[in-house]
Protein backbone atom coordinates (compact mmCIF):
# COMPACT_ATOMS: atom_id res chain seq x y z
CA MET A 1 12.93 11.43 -19.65
CA ALA A 2 14.16 10.17 -23.05
CA THR A 3 16.87 7.42 -23.02
CA LEU A 4 19.50 7.42 -25.54
CA GLY A 5 20.37 4.05 -27.14
CA CYS A 6 23.30 3.62 -29.41
CA GLN A 7 23.37 0.68 -31.98
CA PHE A 8 26.59 -0.08 -33.81
CA HIS A 9 25.97 -1.66 -37.28
CA CYS A 10 29.01 -2.89 -39.04
CA ARG A 11 28.26 -3.21 -42.84
CA MET A 12 30.81 -4.62 -45.33
CA HIS A 13 30.52 -3.12 -48.83
CA HIS A 14 32.82 -5.09 -51.24
CA ILE A 15 32.69 -2.87 -54.15
CA SER A 16 36.15 -3.83 -55.26
CA GLN A 17 39.21 -5.19 -53.65
CA ASN A 18 40.82 -1.76 -53.19
CA VAL A 19 37.81 -0.36 -51.33
CA LYS A 20 38.13 -0.51 -47.54
CA ALA A 21 35.16 -1.67 -45.35
CA LYS A 22 32.98 1.04 -44.15
CA ARG A 23 31.44 1.14 -40.67
CA PHE A 24 28.44 3.00 -39.76
CA ILE A 25 27.22 4.23 -36.28
CA SER A 26 23.64 5.05 -35.83
CA CYS A 27 21.93 6.36 -32.78
CA SER A 28 18.21 6.20 -31.92
CA THR A 29 16.09 7.56 -29.07
CA ASN A 30 13.37 5.55 -27.52
CA PRO A 31 10.17 7.34 -27.06
CA PRO A 32 9.53 8.89 -23.54
CA GLN A 33 7.46 6.91 -21.18
CA SER A 34 4.51 8.65 -19.70
CA ASN A 35 4.21 8.93 -15.93
CA ILE A 36 1.94 6.64 -13.97
CA LYS A 37 -1.36 8.38 -13.16
CA VAL A 38 -2.22 8.10 -9.46
CA ILE A 39 -5.85 8.57 -8.24
CA ILE A 40 -5.98 8.88 -4.44
CA ASN A 41 -9.33 8.00 -2.86
CA GLY A 42 -9.52 9.62 0.58
CA ALA A 43 -7.11 12.45 -0.31
CA VAL A 44 -8.20 14.93 2.22
CA LYS A 45 -7.39 12.60 5.06
CA GLU A 46 -4.06 13.02 6.84
CA ILE A 47 -2.51 10.16 5.15
CA GLY A 48 -4.12 11.00 1.85
CA ARG A 49 -2.54 14.44 1.95
CA ALA A 50 0.78 12.93 2.77
CA ALA A 51 0.39 10.62 -0.24
CA VAL A 52 -0.37 13.42 -2.45
CA ILE A 53 2.80 15.30 -1.52
CA ALA A 54 4.83 12.06 -1.81
CA VAL A 55 3.49 11.23 -5.38
CA THR A 56 4.00 14.78 -6.56
CA LYS A 57 7.77 14.55 -5.49
CA ALA A 58 8.20 11.04 -6.79
CA ARG A 59 9.75 10.39 -10.30
CA GLY A 60 7.67 8.60 -12.97
CA MET A 61 4.29 9.33 -11.11
CA GLU A 62 1.93 12.18 -10.98
CA VAL A 63 -1.40 12.82 -9.19
CA ALA A 64 -4.21 12.59 -11.56
CA GLY A 65 -7.32 12.51 -9.41
CA ALA A 66 -8.34 13.31 -5.88
CA ILE A 67 -11.57 11.78 -4.37
CA ASP A 68 -13.04 12.64 -1.07
CA SER A 69 -16.33 13.81 0.42
CA HIS A 70 -14.73 16.68 2.17
CA SER A 71 -13.25 19.94 0.60
CA VAL A 72 -15.04 19.06 -2.72
CA GLY A 73 -14.17 21.57 -5.40
CA GLU A 74 -10.92 22.75 -3.73
CA ASP A 75 -7.42 22.40 -5.32
CA ILE A 76 -5.81 19.39 -3.69
CA GLY A 77 -2.48 21.18 -3.74
CA MET A 78 -3.96 24.03 -1.71
CA VAL A 79 -5.62 21.50 0.76
CA CYS A 80 -2.26 19.92 1.28
CA ASP A 81 -0.63 23.20 1.93
CA MET A 82 1.67 23.11 -1.08
CA GLU A 83 3.42 26.06 -2.50
CA GLN A 84 1.64 25.83 -5.75
CA PRO A 85 -1.72 24.56 -6.89
CA LEU A 86 -1.82 21.16 -8.68
CA GLU A 87 -5.03 22.37 -10.59
CA ILE A 88 -6.62 19.20 -9.59
CA PRO A 89 -10.06 19.66 -7.78
CA VAL A 90 -11.22 17.36 -5.11
CA MET A 91 -14.18 15.51 -6.51
CA SER A 92 -16.61 13.15 -4.71
CA ASP A 93 -17.57 11.02 -7.85
CA LEU A 94 -14.95 8.10 -8.21
CA THR A 95 -16.57 6.75 -11.40
CA MET A 96 -16.34 10.09 -13.15
CA VAL A 97 -12.66 10.48 -12.34
CA LEU A 98 -11.87 6.87 -13.35
CA GLY A 99 -13.74 7.26 -16.63
CA SER A 100 -11.93 10.41 -17.61
CA ILE A 101 -8.46 9.07 -16.77
CA SER A 102 -9.26 5.82 -18.56
CA GLN A 103 -9.96 7.68 -21.79
CA SER A 104 -6.27 8.92 -21.94
CA LYS A 105 -5.04 5.15 -22.33
CA ALA A 106 -2.30 5.91 -19.70
CA ARG A 107 -1.13 3.56 -16.95
CA ALA A 108 -3.13 4.40 -13.82
CA VAL A 109 -3.39 3.13 -10.24
CA VAL A 110 -5.82 3.79 -7.43
CA ILE A 111 -4.72 4.28 -3.86
CA ASP A 112 -7.58 3.67 -1.52
CA PHE A 113 -7.61 5.27 1.94
CA THR A 114 -11.22 5.03 2.50
CA ASP A 115 -12.84 2.53 5.00
CA ALA A 116 -13.62 -1.18 5.02
CA SER A 117 -17.27 -0.63 4.15
CA THR A 118 -16.52 0.77 0.73
CA VAL A 119 -13.24 -0.69 -0.21
CA TYR A 120 -14.71 -3.69 -2.06
CA ASP A 121 -16.84 -1.57 -4.45
CA ASN A 122 -14.18 0.93 -5.10
CA VAL A 123 -11.69 -1.83 -6.10
CA LYS A 124 -14.46 -3.29 -8.39
CA GLN A 125 -14.82 0.05 -10.17
CA ALA A 126 -11.12 0.62 -10.63
CA THR A 127 -10.79 -2.96 -11.94
CA ALA A 128 -13.76 -2.24 -14.34
CA PHE A 129 -11.71 0.58 -15.80
CA GLY A 130 -8.48 -1.41 -16.04
CA MET A 131 -6.85 0.03 -13.21
CA ARG A 132 -5.06 -1.83 -10.21
CA SER A 133 -5.62 -0.79 -6.62
CA VAL A 134 -3.42 -0.29 -3.56
CA VAL A 135 -5.55 -0.60 -0.49
CA TYR A 136 -4.72 0.85 2.90
CA VAL A 137 -7.73 0.19 5.12
CA PRO A 138 -6.99 -0.52 8.89
CA HIS A 139 -9.25 -3.12 10.51
CA ILE A 140 -10.24 -4.59 7.12
CA GLN A 141 -12.07 -7.86 7.58
CA LEU A 142 -10.68 -11.32 6.45
CA GLU A 143 -13.99 -11.87 4.54
CA THR A 144 -13.38 -8.69 2.61
CA VAL A 145 -9.91 -9.79 1.73
CA SER A 146 -11.03 -13.14 0.70
CA ALA A 147 -13.76 -11.57 -1.58
CA LEU A 148 -11.32 -9.09 -3.06
CA SER A 149 -8.86 -11.92 -3.83
CA ALA A 150 -11.56 -14.00 -5.52
CA PHE A 151 -12.72 -11.04 -7.49
CA CYS A 152 -9.23 -10.07 -8.69
CA ASP A 153 -8.54 -13.67 -9.69
CA LYS A 154 -11.51 -13.66 -12.01
CA ALA A 155 -10.64 -10.27 -13.35
CA SER A 156 -7.06 -11.06 -13.84
CA MET A 157 -6.21 -7.93 -12.20
CA GLY A 158 -3.83 -7.42 -9.24
CA CYS A 159 -4.75 -5.61 -6.06
CA LEU A 160 -2.30 -4.92 -3.14
CA ILE A 161 -3.94 -4.85 0.27
CA ALA A 162 -1.46 -3.19 2.88
CA PRO A 163 -2.98 -2.98 6.41
CA THR A 164 0.19 -1.16 7.31
CA LEU A 165 2.46 0.76 4.90
CA SER A 166 5.55 -0.24 6.90
CA ILE A 167 7.57 -3.18 5.29
CA GLY A 168 9.12 -3.80 8.67
CA SER A 169 5.77 -4.33 10.21
CA ILE A 170 4.83 -6.67 7.51
CA LEU A 171 7.78 -8.79 7.76
CA LEU A 172 7.28 -8.97 11.54
CA GLN A 173 3.70 -10.24 10.96
CA GLN A 174 5.03 -12.92 8.67
CA ALA A 175 7.70 -13.92 11.31
CA ALA A 176 5.01 -14.31 13.92
CA ILE A 177 2.77 -16.42 11.87
CA SER A 178 5.63 -18.69 10.87
CA ALA A 179 6.82 -18.93 14.51
CA SER A 180 3.24 -19.89 15.55
CA PHE A 181 3.61 -23.12 13.88
CA HIS A 182 6.80 -24.26 15.64
CA TYR A 183 6.30 -23.22 19.27
CA LYS A 184 3.49 -23.91 21.80
CA ASN A 185 3.95 -20.61 23.40
CA VAL A 186 4.74 -17.28 21.51
CA GLU A 187 5.37 -13.91 23.31
CA ILE A 188 5.46 -10.65 21.48
CA VAL A 189 6.47 -7.53 23.28
CA GLU A 190 5.88 -4.11 22.17
CA SER A 191 7.57 -1.09 23.82
CA ARG A 192 6.10 2.33 23.32
CA PRO A 193 8.16 5.56 24.22
CA ASN A 194 5.00 7.62 24.81
CA ALA A 195 3.32 7.13 28.26
CA ARG A 196 0.21 9.00 27.40
CA VAL A 197 -0.72 6.31 24.76
CA ARG A 198 -2.60 3.58 26.91
CA TYR A 199 -3.53 1.09 24.29
CA MET A 200 -1.75 -1.22 21.78
CA THR A 201 -0.58 0.30 18.44
CA ARG A 202 -2.29 -0.44 15.32
CA THR A 203 0.64 -2.62 14.22
CA LEU A 204 0.13 -4.82 17.14
CA ILE A 205 -3.47 -5.02 16.46
CA SER A 206 -2.82 -5.97 12.97
CA MET A 207 -0.60 -8.89 13.97
CA GLN A 208 -3.42 -10.16 15.99
CA VAL A 209 -5.77 -10.03 13.08
CA CYS A 210 -3.12 -11.95 11.05
CA LEU A 211 -2.98 -14.72 13.78
CA ARG A 212 -6.85 -14.72 14.09
CA HIS A 213 -7.17 -17.82 11.79
CA ILE A 214 -4.79 -19.77 14.02
CA TYR A 215 -6.07 -18.72 17.55
CA LEU A 216 -9.47 -18.84 18.90
CA TYR A 217 -11.55 -17.35 21.89
CA PRO A 218 -9.51 -14.20 22.67
CA LYS A 219 -9.50 -13.08 26.25
CA PHE A 220 -8.43 -9.70 27.36
CA GLN A 221 -6.96 -8.71 30.70
CA ASN A 222 -5.59 -5.22 31.78
CA ASN A 223 -3.28 -5.62 34.81
CA ASN A 224 -2.40 -1.82 35.05
CA SER A 225 -2.18 1.21 32.91
CA PHE A 226 1.26 0.30 31.63
CA HIS A 227 0.65 -3.26 30.74
CA THR A 228 -1.95 -4.91 28.27
CA LYS A 229 -2.18 -8.54 27.99
CA ARG A 230 -3.91 -10.58 25.33
CA LYS A 231 -4.26 -14.23 25.69
CA LEU A 232 -5.41 -16.39 22.85
CA LYS A 233 -6.16 -19.99 22.94
CA ILE A 234 -4.54 -21.87 20.14
CA ALA A 235 -6.67 -24.15 17.92
CA SER A 236 -5.57 -27.66 18.95
CA SER A 237 -6.40 -28.89 15.37
CA ILE A 238 -3.71 -26.63 13.69
CA ILE A 239 -0.71 -26.53 16.10
CA GLY A 240 -1.62 -28.10 19.36
CA VAL A 241 -2.40 -26.83 22.82
CA GLY A 242 -0.79 -23.54 23.85
CA GLU A 243 -1.08 -19.75 23.97
CA ILE A 244 0.54 -16.55 22.73
CA LEU A 245 1.07 -13.70 25.16
CA ILE A 246 1.10 -10.29 23.56
CA LEU A 247 2.45 -7.45 25.85
CA SER A 248 2.24 -3.68 25.16
CA LYS A 249 4.11 -1.63 27.63
CA ILE A 250 5.82 1.78 27.68
CA LEU A 251 9.59 2.26 28.40
CA PRO A 252 10.83 2.84 31.86
CA SER A 253 11.97 6.29 30.99
CA ALA A 254 8.54 7.29 29.82
CA GLN A 255 6.92 6.01 33.06
CA LYS A 256 9.02 8.53 35.08
CA ASN A 257 7.81 11.43 32.99
């Protein structure tokens, strides 16, 4: 969308004492900015299809590539059950797609929904073509995060790693980490409305991963089907002796059902 900017230039022309000053108003338009090209790696996955639809509806962005090992050759719009095709086929060769888009000199970003075993190589390829990456890979190892951080520092290229795409969950994890340094005992309670899910949610597991560098020797104990406890001994060299108790339980109303 072009933006209109008006610049007022007051110019005084002293031809004679009887001539009044003339004022000129000139308007100029800025050149339209191109959309950000989005390449989605893992586009056929459920979250990948949701990302395709979201990017298509978003302003200032457009889907430029769809990478996956499934549904190769099919239109990603049809794979996502959209009303109209996007005329973008699903491809399995990430390097080919990155090279093609990089020739257009447009701003581009890669969203990675693959897995922890390939994310490092994927980010390296995207960085080599001058593209930043947004990584959503559950259960990503701390060693992989450290390696990505070191690589991006050397390449002077940013990379966003989001174990969960919820801003609220990320803030909760940061609050838990900060609280661990001020309390000997920390208790985190998670309530779930669904009685059929017997395990801790991915958000709670991600929080435990964030605290892994503080707590040592995890011990698991299942009391019953509605409560799961995780006790982790605190490293005495960091915050003293204590423990954190993580409870994952369902709501009483769900237990009756």
